[in-house]
Amino acid sequence: MSEKILEVKNVSKMYGDRYALKNVDFEVYAGEIFGFIGPNGAGKSTLMRIISGLSSPTTGEVFICGKSVQRRFESAVINLGAMIENCQVYGYMTGKQNLNYYAKLYKGIPKKRIDEVAELVGMTPRINDKVKTYSLGMRQRIALAQAILHQPKLLILDEPTNGLDVNGVMELRQTLRALAAKTNISILISSHVLNEMEQLCDTVAIVDKGSILEIRTLDELHEKNGSVQRLRIRVNYPNYAAKLIYLKYDVPVEKAGNSILVPFDPNNAQKIINSLEQRNIKIYGTKIETKSLEDIYIEILKKHKTGKIS
């Protein structure tokens, strides 16, 4: 098994009589990209601040590389790099000048490390340009380079895609994947953009109202919750089509925009399509698909709210 880099043990955080976090436990291993997902206000940012030592837990403890953030702060956080809230870069400086400035805050960072991190985050071609000429995505990558200057073993990113356009999000995802693969750094990332987390993370923890509902690898989540294939049928009258199929075939039917979703059964698929056409419902397309992380996430939240936990 890989080296354990982060251990969060029974962490709770209270504000008055309200829990922002309640009995949070999980571990992150070397080279792992671990996603902490949940709605706004679920406790993600609070957890990031506690791990970084910017806030103290009411109960519990956080260990980075075996050292307690609460009791051995400096020894623990030397292994930590973080991008929390806004990325701090200076627009009047070049990217390289920004990195040189932050390198001076640490002891013993050689000059060649500046070029190394610029290459790792894909900023070498623009490193000598002023930051004020960068896109938001480029600024994020320079901030990321700052966070890994001292070669930490754990990188924390709190909602790093906020404000990025599609290209910026894609570039950041590719950068993080390459970083984990090349340096074996562990990455803990919080977000509510689930389609991006699905493409990026190895493991996810689903959190709601300060409590972790489930922790699994993406493969395990799909195996447990998303292995059933569904047939998506785009039609002109989805409400009528859903009612018709439910009454005739007694199968669960979901509506999604101008589509209906039914469990895929190769023996029934064509019969369902024929039944719709016989009732003069126009079919604009069909697609066999598995559940996305977003689908699974919503189902898990519903199960916990209703108490129907498998």
C-alpha atoms as a PDB file:
ATOM      1  CA  MET A   1       0.000   0.000   0.000  1.00  0.00           C
ATOM      2  CA  SER A   2       1.160   3.561  -0.723  1.00  0.00           C
ATOM      3  CA  GLU A   3       2.416   5.859   1.997  1.00  0.00           C
ATOM      4  CA  LYS A   4      -0.312   7.506   4.093  1.00  0.00           C
ATOM      5  CA  ILE A   5       0.051  11.260   3.578  1.00  0.00           C
ATOM      6  CA  LEU A   6      -3.071  12.696   5.242  1.00  0.00           C
ATOM      7  CA  GLU A   7      -5.119  11.332   8.112  1.00  0.00           C
ATOM      8  CA  VAL A   8      -8.199  13.162   9.381  1.00  0.00           C
ATOM      9  CA  LYS A   9      -9.338  11.593  12.667  1.00  0.00           C
ATOM     10  CA  ASN A  10     -12.787  12.206  14.117  1.00  0.00           C
ATOM     11  CA  VAL A  11     -12.757  15.926  13.281  1.00  0.00           C
ATOM     12  CA  SER A  12     -15.741  18.040  14.310  1.00  0.00           C
ATOM     13  CA  LYS A  13     -16.197  21.785  14.151  1.00  0.00           C
ATOM     14  CA  MET A  14     -18.974  23.612  15.985  1.00  0.00           C
ATOM     15  CA  TYR A  15     -20.165  27.191  15.797  1.00  0.00           C
ATOM     16  CA  GLY A  16     -22.319  27.649  18.869  1.00  0.00           C
ATOM     17  CA  ASP A  17     -24.628  24.629  18.883  1.00  0.00           C
ATOM     18  CA  ARG A  18     -24.335  24.033  15.118  1.00  0.00           C
ATOM     19  CA  TYR A  19     -22.043  21.434  13.556  1.00  0.00           C
ATOM     20  CA  ALA A  20     -20.103  22.649  10.512  1.00  0.00           C
ATOM     21  CA  LEU A  21     -18.293  19.293  10.513  1.00  0.00           C
ATOM     22  CA  LYS A  22     -19.247  16.177  12.445  1.00  0.00           C
ATOM     23  CA  ASN A  23     -16.973  13.180  13.107  1.00  0.00           C
ATOM     24  CA  VAL A  24     -15.074  13.385   9.813  1.00  0.00           C
ATOM     25  CA  ASP A  25     -12.637  10.517   9.214  1.00  0.00           C
ATOM     26  CA  PHE A  26     -10.644   9.716   6.076  1.00  0.00           C
ATOM     27  CA  GLU A  27      -7.142   9.074   4.732  1.00  0.00           C
ATOM     28  CA  VAL A  28      -5.285  10.110   1.583  1.00  0.00           C
ATOM     29  CA  TYR A  29      -2.336   8.195   0.156  1.00  0.00           C
ATOM     30  CA  ALA A  30       0.693   9.164  -1.937  1.00  0.00           C
ATOM     31  CA  GLY A  31      -0.179   9.992  -5.542  1.00  0.00           C
ATOM     32  CA  GLU A  32      -3.927   9.900  -4.873  1.00  0.00           C
ATOM     33  CA  ILE A  33      -6.328  12.594  -6.089  1.00  0.00           C
ATOM     34  CA  PHE A  34      -9.045  12.696  -3.451  1.00  0.00           C
ATOM     35  CA  GLY A  35     -12.226  14.684  -4.048  1.00  0.00           C
ATOM     36  CA  PHE A  36     -14.333  16.153  -1.269  1.00  0.00           C
ATOM     37  CA  ILE A  37     -17.711  16.836  -2.886  1.00  0.00           C
ATOM     38  CA  GLY A  38     -20.941  18.322  -1.660  1.00  0.00           C
ATOM     39  CA  PRO A  39     -23.253  21.315  -2.006  1.00  0.00           C
ATOM     40  CA  ASN A  40     -22.311  24.829  -0.977  1.00  0.00           C
ATOM     41  CA  GLY A  41     -22.344  25.059   2.821  1.00  0.00           C
ATOM     42  CA  ALA A  42     -21.640  21.334   3.289  1.00  0.00           C
ATOM     43  CA  GLY A  43     -18.409  21.975   5.212  1.00  0.00           C
ATOM     44  CA  LYS A  44     -15.805  21.562   2.466  1.00  0.00           C
ATOM     45  CA  SER A  45     -14.011  24.886   2.981  1.00  0.00           C
ATOM     46  CA  THR A  46     -14.141  24.505   6.758  1.00  0.00           C
ATOM     47  CA  LEU A  47     -12.345  21.165   6.457  1.00  0.00           C
ATOM     48  CA  MET A  48      -9.706  22.629   4.132  1.00  0.00           C
ATOM     49  CA  ARG A  49      -8.974  25.410   6.613  1.00  0.00           C
ATOM     50  CA  ILE A  50      -8.649  22.939   9.494  1.00  0.00           C
ATOM     51  CA  ILE A  51      -6.257  20.709   7.530  1.00  0.00           C
ATOM     52  CA  SER A  52      -4.191  23.776   6.620  1.00  0.00           C
ATOM     53  CA  GLY A  53      -4.060  24.939  10.239  1.00  0.00           C
ATOM     54  CA  LEU A  54      -5.998  28.117   9.470  1.00  0.00           C
ATOM     55  CA  SER A  55      -8.790  27.001  11.799  1.00  0.00           C
ATOM     56  CA  SER A  56      -8.896  24.698  14.805  1.00  0.00           C
ATOM     57  CA  PRO A  57     -11.255  21.738  15.150  1.00  0.00           C
ATOM     58  CA  THR A  58     -13.591  21.583  18.119  1.00  0.00           C
ATOM     59  CA  THR A  59     -12.629  17.928  18.501  1.00  0.00           C
ATOM     60  CA  GLY A  60     -10.401  15.553  16.576  1.00  0.00           C
ATOM     61  CA  GLU A  61      -6.978  15.856  14.976  1.00  0.00           C
ATOM     62  CA  VAL A  62      -5.311  16.091  11.547  1.00  0.00           C
ATOM     63  CA  PHE A  63      -2.005  14.395  10.661  1.00  0.00           C
ATOM     64  CA  ILE A  64       0.148  15.217   7.641  1.00  0.00           C
ATOM     65  CA  CYS A  65       2.911  12.677   7.051  1.00  0.00           C
ATOM     66  CA  GLY A  66       2.295  11.402  10.585  1.00  0.00           C
ATOM     67  CA  LYS A  67       2.685  14.799  12.267  1.00  0.00           C
ATOM     68  CA  SER A  68      -0.196  16.530  14.029  1.00  0.00           C
ATOM     69  CA  VAL A  69      -1.254  19.868  12.550  1.00  0.00           C
ATOM     70  CA  GLN A  70      -2.690  20.845  15.946  1.00  0.00           C
ATOM     71  CA  ARG A  71       0.297  19.825  18.097  1.00  0.00           C
ATOM     72  CA  ARG A  72       3.296  20.014  15.724  1.00  0.00           C
ATOM     73  CA  PHE A  73       2.156  22.693  13.308  1.00  0.00           C
ATOM     74  CA  GLU A  74       5.440  23.657  11.625  1.00  0.00           C
ATOM     75  CA  SER A  75       6.604  20.055  11.212  1.00  0.00           C
ATOM     76  CA  ALA A  76       3.258  19.107   9.681  1.00  0.00           C
ATOM     77  CA  VAL A  77       2.602  21.994   7.309  1.00  0.00           C
ATOM     78  CA  ILE A  78       6.090  21.952   5.791  1.00  0.00           C
ATOM     79  CA  ASN A  79       4.690  18.994   3.842  1.00  0.00           C
ATOM     80  CA  LEU A  80       1.651  20.993   2.706  1.00  0.00           C
ATOM     81  CA  GLY A  81       0.955  23.239  -0.256  1.00  0.00           C
ATOM     82  CA  ALA A  82      -2.414  24.957  -0.577  1.00  0.00           C
ATOM     83  CA  MET A  83      -4.624  27.096  -2.789  1.00  0.00           C
ATOM     84  CA  ILE A  84      -7.469  28.231  -0.567  1.00  0.00           C
ATOM     85  CA  GLU A  85      -9.840  31.011  -1.563  1.00  0.00           C
ATOM     86  CA  ASN A  86      -8.244  33.517  -3.996  1.00  0.00           C
ATOM     87  CA  CYS A  87      -4.893  32.816  -5.636  1.00  0.00           C
ATOM     88  CA  GLN A  88      -2.351  35.466  -4.618  1.00  0.00           C
ATOM     89  CA  VAL A  89      -0.293  36.565  -7.617  1.00  0.00           C
ATOM     90  CA  TYR A  90       1.072  40.003  -8.429  1.00  0.00           C
ATOM     91  CA  GLY A  91       0.010  41.365 -11.803  1.00  0.00           C
ATOM     92  CA  TYR A  92       2.831  43.890 -12.166  1.00  0.00           C
ATOM     93  CA  MET A  93       5.432  41.084 -11.885  1.00  0.00           C
ATOM     94  CA  THR A  94       6.209  38.384 -14.413  1.00  0.00           C
ATOM     95  CA  GLY A  95       5.318  34.797 -13.608  1.00  0.00           C
ATOM     96  CA  LYS A  96       8.970  34.070 -12.862  1.00  0.00           C
ATOM     97  CA  GLN A  97       9.293  37.092 -10.572  1.00  0.00           C
ATOM     98  CA  ASN A  98       6.233  35.907  -8.641  1.00  0.00           C
ATOM     99  CA  LEU A  99       7.813  32.485  -8.166  1.00  0.00           C
ATOM    100  CA  ASN A 100      11.164  33.978  -7.147  1.00  0.00           C
ATOM    101  CA  TYR A 101       9.413  36.145  -4.577  1.00  0.00           C
ATOM    102  CA  TYR A 102       7.616  33.179  -2.991  1.00  0.00           C
ATOM    103  CA  ALA A 103      10.731  30.999  -3.159  1.00  0.00           C
ATOM    104  CA  LYS A 104      12.451  33.433  -0.785  1.00  0.00           C
ATOM    105  CA  LEU A 105       9.844  32.615   1.873  1.00  0.00           C
ATOM    106  CA  TYR A 106      11.289  29.096   2.136  1.00  0.00           C
ATOM    107  CA  LYS A 107      14.784  27.929   2.997  1.00  0.00           C
ATOM    108  CA  GLY A 108      17.041  26.280   0.463  1.00  0.00           C
ATOM    109  CA  ILE A 109      14.937  26.400  -2.723  1.00  0.00           C
ATOM    110  CA  PRO A 110      17.431  26.384  -5.639  1.00  0.00           C
ATOM    111  CA  LYS A 111      16.911  28.672  -8.652  1.00  0.00           C
ATOM    112  CA  LYS A 112      16.439  25.682 -10.959  1.00  0.00           C
ATOM    113  CA  ARG A 113      13.301  24.791  -8.976  1.00  0.00           C
ATOM    114  CA  ILE A 114      11.565  27.839 -10.497  1.00  0.00           C
ATOM    115  CA  ASP A 115      12.030  26.435 -13.997  1.00  0.00           C
ATOM    116  CA  GLU A 116      11.009  22.958 -12.821  1.00  0.00           C
ATOM    117  CA  VAL A 117       7.657  24.056 -11.381  1.00  0.00           C
ATOM    118  CA  ALA A 118       6.964  26.304 -14.387  1.00  0.00           C
ATOM    119  CA  GLU A 119       7.377  23.267 -16.616  1.00  0.00           C
ATOM    120  CA  LEU A 120       5.290  21.052 -14.321  1.00  0.00           C
ATOM    121  CA  VAL A 121       2.304  23.416 -14.566  1.00  0.00           C
ATOM    122  CA  GLY A 122       2.768  24.098 -18.279  1.00  0.00           C
ATOM    123  CA  MET A 123       3.764  27.774 -17.953  1.00  0.00           C
ATOM    124  CA  THR A 124       7.297  27.741 -19.392  1.00  0.00           C
ATOM    125  CA  PRO A 125       6.336  29.560 -22.649  1.00  0.00           C
ATOM    126  CA  ARG A 126       4.760  32.473 -20.727  1.00  0.00           C
ATOM    127  CA  ILE A 127       6.835  32.522 -17.538  1.00  0.00           C
ATOM    128  CA  ASN A 128       8.599  35.803 -18.436  1.00  0.00           C
ATOM    129  CA  ASP A 129       5.373  37.639 -19.313  1.00  0.00           C
ATOM    130  CA  LYS A 130       3.660  39.937 -16.825  1.00  0.00           C
ATOM    131  CA  VAL A 131       0.927  38.203 -14.842  1.00  0.00           C
ATOM    132  CA  LYS A 132      -1.543  40.983 -15.739  1.00  0.00           C
ATOM    133  CA  THR A 133      -1.474  39.627 -19.320  1.00  0.00           C
ATOM    134  CA  TYR A 134      -2.439  36.106 -18.171  1.00  0.00           C
ATOM    135  CA  SER A 135      -5.857  34.525 -18.409  1.00  0.00           C
ATOM    136  CA  LEU A 136      -7.483  33.428 -15.140  1.00  0.00           C
ATOM    137  CA  GLY A 137      -6.464  29.847 -15.926  1.00  0.00           C
ATOM    138  CA  MET A 138      -2.824  30.893 -16.297  1.00  0.00           C
ATOM    139  CA  ARG A 139      -2.976  32.783 -13.007  1.00  0.00           C
ATOM    140  CA  GLN A 140      -4.306  29.627 -11.362  1.00  0.00           C
ATOM    141  CA  ARG A 141      -1.399  27.639 -12.746  1.00  0.00           C
ATOM    142  CA  ILE A 142       1.135  30.167 -11.447  1.00  0.00           C
ATOM    143  CA  ALA A 143      -0.561  29.991  -8.033  1.00  0.00           C
ATOM    144  CA  LEU A 144      -0.334  26.213  -8.284  1.00  0.00           C
ATOM    145  CA  ALA A 145       3.382  26.497  -9.072  1.00  0.00           C
ATOM    146  CA  GLN A 146       3.808  28.670  -5.965  1.00  0.00           C
ATOM    147  CA  ALA A 147       2.064  26.046  -3.841  1.00  0.00           C
ATOM    148  CA  ILE A 148       4.461  23.270  -4.910  1.00  0.00           C
ATOM    149  CA  LEU A 149       7.733  25.251  -4.856  1.00  0.00           C
ATOM    150  CA  HIS A 150       8.880  23.568  -1.636  1.00  0.00           C
ATOM    151  CA  GLN A 151       8.008  20.070  -2.942  1.00  0.00           C
ATOM    152  CA  PRO A 152       5.172  19.313  -0.501  1.00  0.00           C
ATOM    153  CA  LYS A 153       3.712  15.841  -0.278  1.00  0.00           C
ATOM    154  CA  LEU A 154       0.125  17.108   0.009  1.00  0.00           C
ATOM    155  CA  LEU A 155      -1.602  19.754  -2.101  1.00  0.00           C
ATOM    156  CA  ILE A 156      -4.956  21.213  -1.029  1.00  0.00           C
ATOM    157  CA  LEU A 157      -7.193  22.962  -3.554  1.00  0.00           C
ATOM    158  CA  ASP A 158     -10.462  24.570  -2.484  1.00  0.00           C
ATOM    159  CA  GLU A 159     -12.839  25.088  -5.434  1.00  0.00           C
ATOM    160  CA  PRO A 160      -9.939  25.728  -7.864  1.00  0.00           C
ATOM    161  CA  THR A 161     -12.152  25.859 -10.979  1.00  0.00           C
ATOM    162  CA  ASN A 162     -14.290  28.769  -9.742  1.00  0.00           C
ATOM    163  CA  GLY A 163     -14.429  31.432 -12.441  1.00  0.00           C
ATOM    164  CA  LEU A 164     -12.551  29.399 -15.048  1.00  0.00           C
ATOM    165  CA  ASP A 165     -13.924  28.980 -18.567  1.00  0.00           C
ATOM    166  CA  VAL A 166     -14.153  25.558 -20.222  1.00  0.00           C
ATOM    167  CA  ASN A 167     -10.597  25.691 -21.565  1.00  0.00           C
ATOM    168  CA  GLY A 168      -9.233  26.820 -18.207  1.00  0.00           C
ATOM    169  CA  VAL A 169     -10.975  23.974 -16.386  1.00  0.00           C
ATOM    170  CA  MET A 170      -9.687  21.416 -18.890  1.00  0.00           C
ATOM    171  CA  GLU A 171      -6.124  22.764 -18.676  1.00  0.00           C
ATOM    172  CA  LEU A 172      -6.185  22.701 -14.865  1.00  0.00           C
ATOM    173  CA  ARG A 173      -7.475  19.133 -14.863  1.00  0.00           C
ATOM    174  CA  GLN A 174      -4.686  18.006 -17.205  1.00  0.00           C
ATOM    175  CA  THR A 175      -2.103  19.842 -15.122  1.00  0.00           C
ATOM    176  CA  LEU A 176      -3.229  18.215 -11.865  1.00  0.00           C
ATOM    177  CA  ARG A 177      -3.333  14.752 -13.393  1.00  0.00           C
ATOM    178  CA  ALA A 178       0.186  15.176 -14.780  1.00  0.00           C
ATOM    179  CA  LEU A 179       1.435  16.591 -11.471  1.00  0.00           C
ATOM    180  CA  ALA A 180       0.179  13.608  -9.476  1.00  0.00           C
ATOM    181  CA  ALA A 181       1.625  11.154 -11.992  1.00  0.00           C
ATOM    182  CA  LYS A 182       5.049  12.825 -12.274  1.00  0.00           C
ATOM    183  CA  THR A 183       5.693  13.776  -8.649  1.00  0.00           C
ATOM    184  CA  ASN A 184       3.518  11.300  -6.680  1.00  0.00           C
ATOM    185  CA  ILE A 185       2.042  14.259  -4.769  1.00  0.00           C
ATOM    186  CA  SER A 186      -1.305  13.684  -3.015  1.00  0.00           C
ATOM    187  CA  ILE A 187      -4.036  16.128  -4.008  1.00  0.00           C
ATOM    188  CA  LEU A 188      -7.098  16.903  -1.887  1.00  0.00           C
ATOM    189  CA  ILE A 189      -9.589  18.926  -3.888  1.00  0.00           C
ATOM    190  CA  SER A 190     -13.019  20.248  -2.941  1.00  0.00           C
ATOM    191  CA  SER A 191     -15.657  21.126  -5.499  1.00  0.00           C
ATOM    192  CA  HIS A 192     -19.342  21.002  -6.304  1.00  0.00           C
ATOM    193  CA  VAL A 193     -18.649  20.666 -10.081  1.00  0.00           C
ATOM    194  CA  LEU A 194     -19.228  16.932 -10.229  1.00  0.00           C
ATOM    195  CA  ASN A 195     -18.544  16.264 -13.897  1.00  0.00           C
ATOM    196  CA  GLU A 196     -15.024  17.655 -13.443  1.00  0.00           C
ATOM    197  CA  MET A 197     -14.453  15.657 -10.264  1.00  0.00           C
ATOM    198  CA  GLU A 198     -15.499  12.502 -12.079  1.00  0.00           C
ATOM    199  CA  GLN A 199     -12.804  13.063 -14.711  1.00  0.00           C
ATOM    200  CA  LEU A 200     -10.126  14.033 -12.200  1.00  0.00           C
ATOM    201  CA  CYS A 201     -10.393  12.081  -8.943  1.00  0.00           C
ATOM    202  CA  ASP A 202      -9.377   8.581  -7.907  1.00  0.00           C
ATOM    203  CA  THR A 203     -11.465   8.628  -4.715  1.00  0.00           C
ATOM    204  CA  VAL A 204     -14.345  10.809  -3.566  1.00  0.00           C
ATOM    205  CA  ALA A 205     -15.943  11.562  -0.214  1.00  0.00           C
ATOM    206  CA  ILE A 206     -19.556  12.696  -0.448  1.00  0.00           C
ATOM    207  CA  VAL A 207     -20.425  15.183   2.280  1.00  0.00           C
ATOM    208  CA  ASP A 208     -23.653  16.848   3.306  1.00  0.00           C
ATOM    209  CA  LYS A 209     -24.364  19.065   6.325  1.00  0.00           C
ATOM    210  CA  GLY A 210     -20.882  18.472   7.709  1.00  0.00           C
ATOM    211  CA  SER A 211     -20.985  14.654   7.666  1.00  0.00           C
ATOM    212  CA  ILE A 212     -19.361  12.245   5.235  1.00  0.00           C
ATOM    213  CA  LEU A 213     -22.036  10.045   3.718  1.00  0.00           C
ATOM    214  CA  GLU A 214     -19.799   7.791   1.666  1.00  0.00           C
ATOM    215  CA  ILE A 215     -16.125   7.360   0.741  1.00  0.00           C
ATOM    216  CA  ARG A 216     -15.281   5.205  -2.262  1.00  0.00           C
ATOM    217  CA  THR A 217     -13.089   5.066  -5.327  1.00  0.00           C
ATOM    218  CA  LEU A 218     -14.921   6.133  -8.474  1.00  0.00           C
ATOM    219  CA  ASP A 219     -14.818   2.541  -9.726  1.00  0.00           C
ATOM    220  CA  GLU A 220     -16.432   1.339  -6.486  1.00  0.00           C
ATOM    221  CA  LEU A 221     -19.119   4.029  -6.673  1.00  0.00           C
ATOM    222  CA  HIS A 222     -20.029   3.048 -10.200  1.00  0.00           C
ATOM    223  CA  GLU A 223     -19.929  -0.653  -9.368  1.00  0.00           C
ATOM    224  CA  LYS A 224     -22.249  -0.183  -6.403  1.00  0.00           C
ATOM    225  CA  ASN A 225     -24.575   2.501  -7.741  1.00  0.00           C
ATOM    226  CA  GLY A 226     -24.058   2.980 -11.429  1.00  0.00           C
ATOM    227  CA  SER A 227     -23.595  -0.405 -13.081  1.00  0.00           C
ATOM    228  CA  VAL A 228     -27.173  -0.461 -14.377  1.00  0.00           C
ATOM    229  CA  GLN A 229     -27.328   0.848 -17.915  1.00  0.00           C
ATOM    230  CA  ARG A 230     -30.139   3.148 -18.918  1.00  0.00           C
ATOM    231  CA  LEU A 231     -31.789   3.883 -22.235  1.00  0.00           C
ATOM    232  CA  ARG A 232     -32.200   7.590 -22.912  1.00  0.00           C
ATOM    233  CA  ILE A 233     -34.941   8.358 -25.409  1.00  0.00           C
ATOM    234  CA  ARG A 234     -35.373  11.927 -26.688  1.00  0.00           C
ATOM    235  CA  VAL A 235     -39.021  12.586 -27.503  1.00  0.00           C
ATOM    236  CA  ASN A 236     -41.410  15.462 -28.197  1.00  0.00           C
ATOM    237  CA  TYR A 237     -43.760  14.716 -25.273  1.00  0.00           C
ATOM    238  CA  PRO A 238     -41.661  13.390 -22.347  1.00  0.00           C
ATOM    239  CA  ASN A 239     -44.453  13.573 -19.732  1.00  0.00           C
ATOM    240  CA  TYR A 240     -46.859  11.556 -21.886  1.00  0.00           C
ATOM    241  CA  ALA A 241     -44.107   9.125 -22.933  1.00  0.00           C
ATOM    242  CA  ALA A 242     -43.035   8.501 -19.326  1.00  0.00           C
ATOM    243  CA  LYS A 243     -46.593   7.794 -18.196  1.00  0.00           C
ATOM    244  CA  LEU A 244     -47.218   5.482 -21.149  1.00  0.00           C
ATOM    245  CA  ILE A 245     -44.080   3.395 -20.569  1.00  0.00           C
ATOM    246  CA  TYR A 246     -44.640   3.167 -16.818  1.00  0.00           C
ATOM    247  CA  LEU A 247     -48.214   1.937 -17.210  1.00  0.00           C
ATOM    248  CA  LYS A 248     -47.487  -0.498 -20.019  1.00  0.00           C
ATOM    249  CA  TYR A 249     -44.199  -2.047 -18.894  1.00  0.00           C
ATOM    250  CA  ASP A 250     -44.173  -1.375 -15.117  1.00  0.00           C
ATOM    251  CA  VAL A 251     -40.576  -0.096 -15.161  1.00  0.00           C
ATOM    252  CA  PRO A 252     -39.189   2.987 -13.384  1.00  0.00           C
ATOM    253  CA  VAL A 253     -39.075   5.994 -15.694  1.00  0.00           C
ATOM    254  CA  GLU A 254     -37.226   9.263 -15.142  1.00  0.00           C
ATOM    255  CA  LYS A 255     -37.746  12.502 -17.034  1.00  0.00           C
ATOM    256  CA  ALA A 256     -34.735  14.631 -17.941  1.00  0.00           C
ATOM    257  CA  GLY A 257     -35.507  17.624 -20.114  1.00  0.00           C
ATOM    258  CA  ASN A 258     -36.855  16.350 -23.422  1.00  0.00           C
ATOM    259  CA  SER A 259     -35.795  12.778 -22.645  1.00  0.00           C
ATOM    260  CA  ILE A 260     -37.071   9.811 -20.687  1.00  0.00           C
ATOM    261  CA  LEU A 261     -34.724   7.342 -18.981  1.00  0.00           C
ATOM    262  CA  VAL A 262     -35.587   3.677 -18.466  1.00  0.00           C
ATOM    263  CA  PRO A 263     -33.454   0.718 -17.294  1.00  0.00           C
ATOM    264  CA  PHE A 264     -31.821  -0.763 -20.372  1.00  0.00           C
ATOM    265  CA  ASP A 265     -33.026  -4.251 -21.249  1.00  0.00           C
ATOM    266  CA  PRO A 266     -32.040  -5.469 -24.743  1.00  0.00           C
ATOM    267  CA  ASN A 267     -35.173  -7.649 -24.801  1.00  0.00           C
ATOM    268  CA  ASN A 268     -37.495  -4.699 -24.178  1.00  0.00           C
ATOM    269  CA  ALA A 269     -35.723  -1.721 -25.727  1.00  0.00           C
ATOM    270  CA  GLN A 270     -37.167  -2.037 -29.218  1.00  0.00           C
ATOM    271  CA  LYS A 271     -40.627  -2.835 -27.833  1.00  0.00           C
ATOM    272  CA  ILE A 272     -40.569   0.393 -25.806  1.00  0.00           C
ATOM    273  CA  ILE A 273     -39.521   2.420 -28.835  1.00  0.00           C
ATOM    274  CA  ASN A 274     -42.215   0.776 -30.979  1.00  0.00           C
ATOM    275  CA  SER A 275     -44.883   1.486 -28.348  1.00  0.00           C
ATOM    276  CA  LEU A 276     -43.990   5.180 -28.340  1.00  0.00           C
ATOM    277  CA  GLU A 277     -44.060   5.409 -32.120  1.00  0.00           C
ATOM    278  CA  GLN A 278     -47.444   3.660 -32.223  1.00  0.00           C
ATOM    279  CA  ARG A 279     -48.822   6.462 -30.023  1.00  0.00           C
ATOM    280  CA  ASN A 280     -47.457   9.074 -32.479  1.00  0.00           C
ATOM    281  CA  ILE A 281     -44.657  10.160 -30.158  1.00  0.00           C
ATOM    282  CA  LYS A 282     -41.704  11.378 -32.188  1.00  0.00           C
ATOM    283  CA  ILE A 283     -38.317   9.928 -31.248  1.00  0.00           C
ATOM    284  CA  TYR A 284     -35.352  12.187 -31.934  1.00  0.00           C
ATOM    285  CA  GLY A 285     -32.639   9.876 -30.702  1.00  0.00           C
ATOM    286  CA  THR A 286     -31.705   7.083 -28.325  1.00  0.00           C
ATOM    287  CA  LYS A 287     -28.581   6.439 -26.260  1.00  0.00           C
ATOM    288  CA  ILE A 288     -27.449   3.728 -23.864  1.00  0.00           C
ATOM    289  CA  GLU A 289     -25.665   5.271 -20.866  1.00  0.00           C
ATOM    290  CA  THR A 290     -24.516   4.518 -17.346  1.00  0.00           C
ATOM    291  CA  LYS A 291     -25.109   6.759 -14.379  1.00  0.00           C
ATOM    292  CA  SER A 292     -22.811   9.736 -13.956  1.00  0.00           C
ATOM    293  CA  LEU A 293     -21.212  10.764 -10.660  1.00  0.00           C
ATOM    294  CA  GLU A 294     -23.875  13.482 -10.473  1.00  0.00           C
ATOM    295  CA  ASP A 295     -26.651  10.854 -10.748  1.00  0.00           C
ATOM    296  CA  ILE A 296     -25.015   8.696  -8.071  1.00  0.00           C
ATOM    297  CA  TYR A 297     -24.414  11.684  -5.806  1.00  0.00           C
ATOM    298  CA  ILE A 298     -28.071  12.761  -5.959  1.00  0.00           C
ATOM    299  CA  GLU A 299     -29.243   9.203  -5.258  1.00  0.00           C
ATOM    300  CA  ILE A 300     -26.965   8.915  -2.207  1.00  0.00           C
ATOM    301  CA  LEU A 301     -28.236  12.226  -0.823  1.00  0.00           C
ATOM    302  CA  LYS A 302     -31.834  11.082  -1.304  1.00  0.00           C
ATOM    303  CA  LYS A 303     -31.168   7.739   0.401  1.00  0.00           C
ATOM    304  CA  HIS A 304     -29.672   9.422   3.447  1.00  0.00           C
ATOM    305  CA  LYS A 305     -32.493  11.937   3.689  1.00  0.00           C
ATOM    306  CA  THR A 306     -35.118   9.186   3.567  1.00  0.00           C
ATOM    307  CA  GLY A 307     -33.083   6.753   5.709  1.00  0.00           C
ATOM    308  CA  LYS A 308     -33.022   4.152   2.913  1.00  0.00           C
ATOM    309  CA  ILE A 309     -29.308   3.423   3.064  1.00  0.00           C
ATOM    310  CA  SER A 310     -28.107   0.181   1.510  1.00  0.00           C
END
